[in-house]
């Protein structure tokens, strides 16, 4: 069992948003490109 740490740090919301943006934007771009490429295979 772990004991609570009274000196826990708080991660700023801006840093969390920036981290998600750095991962999410390229991921979304890659997903869109994949869907476009796959749709040409099925639509001719």
PDB file of N, CA and C in Angstrom:
ATOM      1  N   UNK A   1       0.846  -1.174   0.000  1.00  0.00           N
ATOM      2  CA  UNK A   1       0.000   0.000   0.000  1.00  0.00           C
ATOM      3  C   UNK A   1       0.891   1.236   0.000  1.00  0.00           C
ATOM      4  N   UNK A   2       0.527   2.199  -0.806  1.00  0.00           N
ATOM      5  CA  UNK A   2       1.312   3.425  -0.876  1.00  0.00           C
ATOM      6  C   UNK A   2       0.698   4.491   0.005  1.00  0.00           C
ATOM      7  N   UNK A   3       1.562   5.331   0.524  1.00  0.00           N
ATOM      8  CA  UNK A   3       1.075   6.437   1.338  1.00  0.00           C
ATOM      9  C   UNK A   3       0.977   7.673   0.476  1.00  0.00           C
ATOM     10  N   UNK A   4      -0.008   8.522   0.712  1.00  0.00           N
ATOM     11  CA  UNK A   4      -0.148   9.731  -0.104  1.00  0.00           C
ATOM     12  C   UNK A   4       1.050  10.651   0.094  1.00  0.00           C
ATOM     13  N   UNK A   5       1.490  11.253  -0.994  1.00  0.00           N
ATOM     14  CA  UNK A   5       2.629  12.154  -0.957  1.00  0.00           C
ATOM     15  C   UNK A   5       2.110  13.584  -0.793  1.00  0.00           C
ATOM     16  N   UNK A   6       2.424  14.250   0.301  1.00  0.00           N
ATOM     17  CA  UNK A   6       1.912  15.613   0.499  1.00  0.00           C
ATOM     18  C   UNK A   6       2.577  16.639  -0.426  1.00  0.00           C
ATOM     19  N   UNK A   7       3.669  16.263  -1.077  1.00  0.00           N
ATOM     20  CA  UNK A   7       4.390  17.198  -1.952  1.00  0.00           C
ATOM     21  C   UNK A   7       4.154  16.887  -3.427  1.00  0.00           C
ATOM     22  N   UNK A   8       2.958  16.439  -3.781  1.00  0.00           N
ATOM     23  CA  UNK A   8       2.652  16.128  -5.168  1.00  0.00           C
ATOM     24  C   UNK A   8       2.680  17.402  -5.996  1.00  0.00           C
ATOM     25  N   UNK A   9       3.189  17.272  -7.212  1.00  0.00           N
ATOM     26  CA  UNK A   9       3.238  18.433  -8.096  1.00  0.00           C
ATOM     27  C   UNK A   9       1.997  18.462  -8.974  1.00  0.00           C
ATOM     28  N   UNK A  10       1.651  19.632  -9.434  1.00  0.00           N
ATOM     29  CA  UNK A  10       0.491  19.826 -10.300  1.00  0.00           C
ATOM     30  C   UNK A  10       0.995  20.172 -11.698  1.00  0.00           C
ATOM     31  N   UNK A  11       0.578  19.412 -12.688  1.00  0.00           N
ATOM     32  CA  UNK A  11       0.966  19.678 -14.063  1.00  0.00           C
ATOM     33  C   UNK A  11       0.072  20.769 -14.624  1.00  0.00           C
ATOM     34  N   UNK A  12       0.655  21.830 -15.173  1.00  0.00           N
ATOM     35  CA  UNK A  12      -0.160  22.911 -15.736  1.00  0.00           C
ATOM     36  C   UNK A  12      -1.020  22.418 -16.899  1.00  0.00           C
ATOM     37  N   UNK A  13      -2.212  22.943 -16.982  1.00  0.00           N
ATOM     38  CA  UNK A  13      -3.161  22.547 -18.027  1.00  0.00           C
ATOM     39  C   UNK A  13      -2.590  22.870 -19.402  1.00  0.00           C
ATOM     40  N   UNK A  14      -1.900  23.987 -19.542  1.00  0.00           N
ATOM     41  CA  UNK A  14      -1.331  24.362 -20.839  1.00  0.00           C
ATOM     42  C   UNK A  14      -0.325  23.321 -21.322  1.00  0.00           C
ATOM     43  N   UNK A  15       0.446  22.748 -20.409  1.00  0.00           N
ATOM     44  CA  UNK A  15       1.426  21.733 -20.797  1.00  0.00           C
ATOM     45  C   UNK A  15       0.724  20.455 -21.263  1.00  0.00           C
ATOM     46  N   UNK A  16      -0.365  20.113 -20.616  1.00  0.00           N
ATOM     47  CA  UNK A  16      -1.130  18.925 -21.017  1.00  0.00           C
ATOM     48  C   UNK A  16      -1.744  19.142 -22.398  1.00  0.00           C
ATOM     49  N   UNK A  17      -2.310  20.318 -22.627  1.00  0.00           N
ATOM     50  CA  UNK A  17      -2.910  20.631 -23.920  1.00  0.00           C
ATOM     51  C   UNK A  17      -1.845  20.613 -25.017  1.00  0.00           C
ATOM     52  N   UNK A  18      -0.686  21.187 -24.747  1.00  0.00           N
ATOM     53  CA  UNK A  18       0.400  21.198 -25.723  1.00  0.00           C
ATOM     54  C   UNK A  18       0.864  19.782 -26.047  1.00  0.00           C
ATOM     55  N   UNK A  19       0.991  18.948 -25.037  1.00  0.00           N
ATOM     56  CA  UNK A  19       1.420  17.565 -25.258  1.00  0.00           C
ATOM     57  C   UNK A  19       0.407  16.808 -26.110  1.00  0.00           C
ATOM     58  N   UNK A  20      -0.872  16.980 -25.819  1.00  0.00           N
ATOM     59  CA  UNK A  20      -1.907  16.310 -26.611  1.00  0.00           C
ATOM     60  C   UNK A  20      -1.912  16.835 -28.046  1.00  0.00           C
ATOM     61  N   UNK A  21      -1.680  18.138 -28.216  1.00  0.00           N
ATOM     62  CA  UNK A  21      -1.651  18.711 -29.560  1.00  0.00           C
ATOM     63  C   UNK A  21      -0.466  18.163 -30.349  1.00  0.00           C
ATOM     64  N   UNK A  22       0.699  18.029 -29.704  1.00  0.00           N
ATOM     65  CA  UNK A  22       1.875  17.505 -30.391  1.00  0.00           C
ATOM     66  C   UNK A  22       1.674  16.069 -30.852  1.00  0.00           C
ATOM     67  N   UNK A  23       0.847  15.331 -30.152  1.00  0.00           N
ATOM     68  CA  UNK A  23       0.564  13.953 -30.534  1.00  0.00           C
ATOM     69  C   UNK A  23      -0.667  13.878 -31.431  1.00  0.00           C
ATOM     70  N   UNK A  24      -1.698  14.627 -31.086  1.00  0.00           N
ATOM     71  CA  UNK A  24      -2.986  14.495 -31.756  1.00  0.00           C
ATOM     72  C   UNK A  24      -3.034  15.044 -33.166  1.00  0.00           C
ATOM     73  N   UNK A  25      -2.355  16.172 -33.409  1.00  0.00           N
ATOM     74  CA  UNK A  25      -2.412  16.778 -34.741  1.00  0.00           C
ATOM     75  C   UNK A  25      -1.763  15.876 -35.801  1.00  0.00           C
ATOM     76  N   UNK A  26      -0.535  15.383 -35.592  1.00  0.00           N
ATOM     77  CA  UNK A  26       0.026  14.465 -36.584  1.00  0.00           C
ATOM     78  C   UNK A  26      -0.760  13.163 -36.707  1.00  0.00           C
ATOM     79  N   UNK A  27      -1.300  12.690 -35.588  1.00  0.00           N
ATOM     80  CA  UNK A  27      -2.105  11.478 -35.627  1.00  0.00           C
ATOM     81  C   UNK A  27      -3.351  11.681 -36.473  1.00  0.00           C
ATOM     82  N   UNK A  28      -4.022  12.801 -36.284  1.00  0.00           N
ATOM     83  CA  UNK A  28      -5.215  13.112 -37.058  1.00  0.00           C
ATOM     84  C   UNK A  28      -4.873  13.273 -38.541  1.00  0.00           C
ATOM     85  N   UNK A  29      -3.761  13.938 -38.836  1.00  0.00           N
ATOM     86  CA  UNK A  29      -3.335  14.109 -40.223  1.00  0.00           C
ATOM     87  C   UNK A  29      -3.077  12.742 -40.872  1.00  0.00           C
ATOM     88  N   UNK A  30      -2.370  11.880 -40.174  1.00  0.00           N
ATOM     89  CA  UNK A  30      -2.084  10.549 -40.707  1.00  0.00           C
ATOM     90  C   UNK A  30      -3.344   9.732 -40.907  1.00  0.00           C
ATOM     91  N   UNK A  31      -4.273   9.856 -40.000  1.00  0.00           N
ATOM     92  CA  UNK A  31      -5.536   9.128 -40.119  1.00  0.00           C
ATOM     93  C   UNK A  31      -6.326   9.604 -41.337  1.00  0.00           C
ATOM     94  N   UNK A  32      -6.364  10.912 -41.539  1.00  0.00           N
ATOM     95  CA  UNK A  32      -7.078  11.463 -42.692  1.00  0.00           C
ATOM     96  C   UNK A  32      -6.420  11.003 -43.992  1.00  0.00           C
ATOM     97  N   UNK A  33      -5.094  11.027 -44.052  1.00  0.00           N
ATOM     98  CA  UNK A  33      -4.394  10.583 -45.254  1.00  0.00           C
ATOM     99  C   UNK A  33      -4.636   9.098 -45.523  1.00  0.00           C
ATOM    100  N   UNK A  34      -4.675   8.306 -44.472  1.00  0.00           N
ATOM    101  CA  UNK A  34      -4.935   6.878 -44.627  1.00  0.00           C
ATOM    102  C   UNK A  34      -6.347   6.629 -45.149  1.00  0.00           C
ATOM    103  N   UNK A  35      -7.311   7.348 -44.627  1.00  0.00           N
ATOM    104  CA  UNK A  35      -8.692   7.186 -45.083  1.00  0.00           C
ATOM    105  C   UNK A  35      -8.825   7.618 -46.533  1.00  0.00           C
ATOM    106  N   UNK A  36      -8.168   8.707 -46.914  1.00  0.00           N
ATOM    107  CA  UNK A  36      -8.207   9.142 -48.315  1.00  0.00           C
ATOM    108  C   UNK A  36      -7.603   8.101 -49.240  1.00  0.00           C
ATOM    109  N   UNK A  37      -6.451   7.544 -48.843  1.00  0.00           N
ATOM    110  CA  UNK A  37      -5.800   6.539 -49.684  1.00  0.00           C
ATOM    111  C   UNK A  37      -6.635   5.270 -49.772  1.00  0.00           C
ATOM    112  N   UNK A  38      -7.235   4.866 -48.667  1.00  0.00           N
ATOM    113  CA  UNK A  38      -8.051   3.659 -48.669  1.00  0.00           C
ATOM    114  C   UNK A  38      -9.330   3.862 -49.464  1.00  0.00           C
ATOM    115  N   UNK A  39      -9.871   5.069 -49.444  1.00  0.00           N
ATOM    116  CA  UNK A  39     -11.114   5.295 -50.177  1.00  0.00           C
ATOM    117  C   UNK A  39     -10.891   5.201 -51.682  1.00  0.00           C
ATOM    118  N   UNK A  40      -9.711   5.574 -52.159  1.00  0.00           N
ATOM    119  CA  UNK A  40      -9.447   5.442 -53.599  1.00  0.00           C
ATOM    120  C   UNK A  40      -9.350   3.975 -54.007  1.00  0.00           C
ATOM    121  N   UNK A  41      -8.959   3.107 -53.094  1.00  0.00           N
ATOM    122  CA  UNK A  41      -8.898   1.677 -53.408  1.00  0.00           C
ATOM    123  C   UNK A  41     -10.297   1.100 -53.622  1.00  0.00           C
ATOM    124  N   UNK A  42     -11.261   1.610 -52.889  1.00  0.00           N
ATOM    125  CA  UNK A  42     -12.601   1.050 -52.959  1.00  0.00           C
ATOM    126  C   UNK A  42     -13.514   1.781 -53.938  1.00  0.00           C
ATOM    127  N   UNK A  43     -13.173   3.028 -54.286  1.00  0.00           N
ATOM    128  CA  UNK A  43     -14.036   3.764 -55.201  1.00  0.00           C
ATOM    129  C   UNK A  43     -13.492   3.781 -56.623  1.00  0.00           C
ATOM    130  N   UNK A  44     -12.257   3.406 -56.777  1.00  0.00           N
ATOM    131  CA  UNK A  44     -11.705   3.303 -58.121  1.00  0.00           C
ATOM    132  C   UNK A  44     -11.017   4.486 -58.556  1.00  0.00           C
TER     133      UNK A  44
END
